[in-house]
Amino acid sequence: MRKAGWQITLQWVRAYAGTRGNELADAIAKKATTNGTVPESYTRIPRGVVLRQLEEESLQMWQRSWTQTTKGRTTKENLPDIEGRIKMKLNHTGNITTILTGHWNIKTYLKRFQISDDSTCPCRKGEQTTDHIIYDCDRLTKERDKLKAAITMTNT
């Protein structure tokens, strides 16, 4: 296509948003998978083996990309392993997301974006970071103890 003078660019488009070319591509792909005219390329290897191999390769590629990116430092600290994260059963709430990403109304975040000059926790025992709030803040000792007790009860 390049030899014919075409300029090729790849661009992400939102799925199911009515983008004509994307909708057409989806329809063609669906038709190809349901009309039986596309020959199977895995006739000598069981389909499950191929799917498992593709999943493993995808996870490896995702992990490499995740490890190499310089973005999402807080999220990467909390969830360094893609495969482990996929196996977790997390209830995705706004609070969980803000804690895991570090994008919430805490003093280190506000200072980082120059919204505040001070990153000290109100307990005065260090910077108000996600780890400090979860593990060390004296103001949350009672809540932390309740959470530990609840976790202990569910694991026994």
Protein backbone atom coordinates (compact mmCIF):
# COMPACT_ATOMS: atom_id res chain seq x y z
CA MET A 1 0.00 0.00 0.00
CA ARG A 2 2.89 2.37 0.74
CA LYS A 3 4.32 1.70 -2.73
CA ALA A 4 0.97 2.75 -4.15
CA GLY A 5 1.20 6.06 -2.28
CA TRP A 6 -1.07 5.27 0.64
CA GLN A 7 -0.30 6.84 4.00
CA ILE A 8 -0.93 4.32 6.77
CA THR A 9 -1.65 5.39 10.35
CA LEU A 10 -3.02 3.41 13.25
CA GLN A 11 -5.43 5.16 15.59
CA TRP A 12 -7.48 3.99 18.54
CA VAL A 13 -11.22 4.47 18.24
CA ARG A 14 -13.86 3.90 20.88
CA ALA A 15 -15.72 0.63 20.36
CA TYR A 16 -19.46 0.65 19.74
CA ALA A 17 -19.51 4.42 19.25
CA GLY A 18 -20.86 4.34 15.70
CA THR A 19 -17.53 4.96 13.95
CA ARG A 20 -18.33 3.74 10.41
CA GLY A 21 -14.97 2.10 9.61
CA ASN A 22 -14.77 0.42 13.00
CA GLU A 23 -18.34 -0.88 12.77
CA LEU A 24 -17.60 -2.23 9.27
CA ALA A 25 -14.41 -3.95 10.47
CA ASP A 26 -16.34 -5.52 13.37
CA ALA A 27 -19.05 -6.78 11.03
CA ILE A 28 -16.51 -8.28 8.61
CA ALA A 29 -14.58 -9.94 11.43
CA LYS A 30 -17.77 -11.39 12.91
CA LYS A 31 -18.89 -12.69 9.53
CA ALA A 32 -15.50 -14.31 8.94
CA THR A 33 -15.70 -16.18 12.23
CA THR A 34 -19.26 -17.42 11.74
CA ASN A 35 -19.58 -18.34 8.07
CA GLY A 36 -17.03 -21.16 8.08
CA THR A 37 -15.05 -19.94 5.08
CA VAL A 38 -11.98 -19.05 7.11
CA PRO A 39 -9.80 -22.15 7.37
CA GLU A 40 -8.67 -23.14 10.83
CA SER A 41 -4.96 -22.54 11.32
CA TYR A 42 -4.73 -24.81 14.32
CA THR A 43 -5.92 -28.08 12.83
CA ARG A 44 -3.00 -30.05 14.23
CA ILE A 45 -2.91 -28.45 17.66
CA PRO A 46 -5.93 -28.49 19.99
CA ARG A 47 -7.73 -25.16 20.11
CA GLY A 48 -7.34 -24.96 23.90
CA VAL A 49 -3.57 -25.27 23.62
CA VAL A 50 -3.45 -22.43 21.10
CA LEU A 51 -5.66 -20.23 23.27
CA ARG A 52 -3.59 -20.94 26.38
CA GLN A 53 -0.37 -20.14 24.49
CA LEU A 54 -1.83 -16.89 23.16
CA GLU A 55 -2.94 -15.93 26.67
CA GLU A 56 0.52 -16.65 28.09
CA GLU A 57 2.24 -14.67 25.33
CA SER A 58 -0.16 -11.77 25.83
CA LEU A 59 0.50 -11.76 29.57
CA GLN A 60 4.25 -11.78 28.97
CA MET A 61 3.99 -8.89 26.51
CA TRP A 62 1.75 -6.96 28.91
CA GLN A 63 4.15 -7.60 31.81
CA ARG A 64 7.15 -6.41 29.75
CA SER A 65 5.30 -3.26 28.78
CA TRP A 66 4.14 -2.71 32.39
CA THR A 67 7.66 -3.20 33.73
CA GLN A 68 9.26 -0.86 31.19
CA THR A 69 6.82 2.05 31.39
CA THR A 70 7.82 5.05 33.46
CA LYS A 71 4.20 5.93 34.22
CA GLY A 72 1.96 4.70 37.00
CA ARG A 73 4.68 4.46 39.65
CA THR A 74 2.25 4.10 42.58
CA THR A 75 0.08 1.57 40.77
CA LYS A 76 3.16 -0.44 39.80
CA GLU A 77 4.34 -0.46 43.42
CA ASN A 78 0.96 -1.80 44.53
CA LEU A 79 0.45 -4.19 41.61
CA PRO A 80 3.83 -5.13 40.11
CA ASP A 81 2.73 -8.48 38.69
CA ILE A 82 0.10 -8.49 35.92
CA GLU A 83 -0.73 -12.18 36.21
CA GLY A 84 -1.11 -11.89 39.97
CA ARG A 85 -3.38 -8.87 39.57
CA ILE A 86 -5.60 -10.71 37.09
CA LYS A 87 -6.02 -13.57 39.57
CA MET A 88 -7.01 -11.17 42.39
CA LYS A 89 -10.63 -10.76 43.18
CA LEU A 90 -10.81 -7.01 43.81
CA ASN A 91 -14.05 -5.16 44.26
CA HIS A 92 -13.38 -2.20 41.95
CA THR A 93 -14.60 0.80 43.87
CA GLY A 94 -13.59 4.40 43.47
CA ASN A 95 -11.71 4.22 46.77
CA ILE A 96 -9.70 1.14 45.77
CA THR A 97 -8.80 2.75 42.45
CA THR A 98 -7.67 6.00 44.06
CA ILE A 99 -5.54 4.14 46.60
CA LEU A 100 -3.91 1.88 44.02
CA THR A 101 -3.16 4.75 41.65
CA GLY A 102 -2.19 7.28 44.31
CA HIS A 103 -4.54 9.81 42.71
CA TRP A 104 -6.46 10.99 45.71
CA ASN A 105 -6.78 13.88 48.08
CA ILE A 106 -3.71 13.20 50.20
CA LYS A 107 -0.99 15.68 50.99
CA THR A 108 1.83 14.14 48.92
CA TYR A 109 -0.43 14.13 45.85
CA LEU A 110 -1.53 17.71 46.44
CA LYS A 111 2.07 18.83 46.94
CA ARG A 112 3.21 16.99 43.82
CA PHE A 113 0.78 19.03 41.75
CA GLN A 114 1.61 22.23 43.65
CA ILE A 115 -1.86 22.51 45.14
CA SER A 116 -0.36 22.47 48.63
CA ASP A 117 3.05 23.33 50.07
CA ASP A 118 3.00 20.77 52.88
CA SER A 119 2.97 16.97 52.57
CA THR A 120 3.07 16.23 56.32
CA CYS A 121 0.32 13.97 57.64
CA PRO A 122 -1.94 15.54 60.30
CA CYS A 123 -0.60 12.91 62.74
CA ARG A 124 2.82 14.64 62.34
CA LYS A 125 4.66 11.32 62.02
CA GLY A 126 5.72 11.58 58.39
CA GLU A 127 4.52 12.42 54.92
CA GLN A 128 0.91 11.59 54.16
CA THR A 129 1.49 8.88 51.55
CA THR A 130 -0.72 5.93 50.67
CA ASP A 131 1.58 3.56 52.57
CA HIS A 132 1.67 5.86 55.60
CA ILE A 133 -2.14 6.03 55.73
CA ILE A 134 -2.56 2.28 55.34
CA TYR A 135 0.26 1.09 57.62
CA ASP A 136 1.46 3.81 59.98
CA CYS A 137 -0.86 6.76 60.61
CA ASP A 138 -1.73 7.01 64.31
CA ARG A 139 -5.07 8.62 63.47
CA LEU A 140 -6.21 5.38 61.78
CA THR A 141 -5.01 2.83 64.34
CA LYS A 142 -8.55 1.83 65.41
CA GLU A 143 -9.74 1.38 61.81
CA ARG A 144 -6.56 -0.54 60.94
CA ASP A 145 -7.05 -2.88 63.92
CA LYS A 146 -10.70 -3.49 62.93
CA LEU A 147 -9.62 -4.29 59.36
CA LYS A 148 -6.90 -6.69 60.56
CA ALA A 149 -9.41 -8.44 62.83
CA ALA A 150 -11.92 -8.75 59.97
CA ILE A 151 -9.27 -10.15 57.65
CA THR A 152 -8.10 -12.61 60.28
CA MET A 153 -11.69 -13.81 60.88
CA THR A 154 -12.32 -14.42 57.18
CA ASN A 155 -9.05 -16.35 56.76
CA THR A 156 -9.76 -18.82 59.57
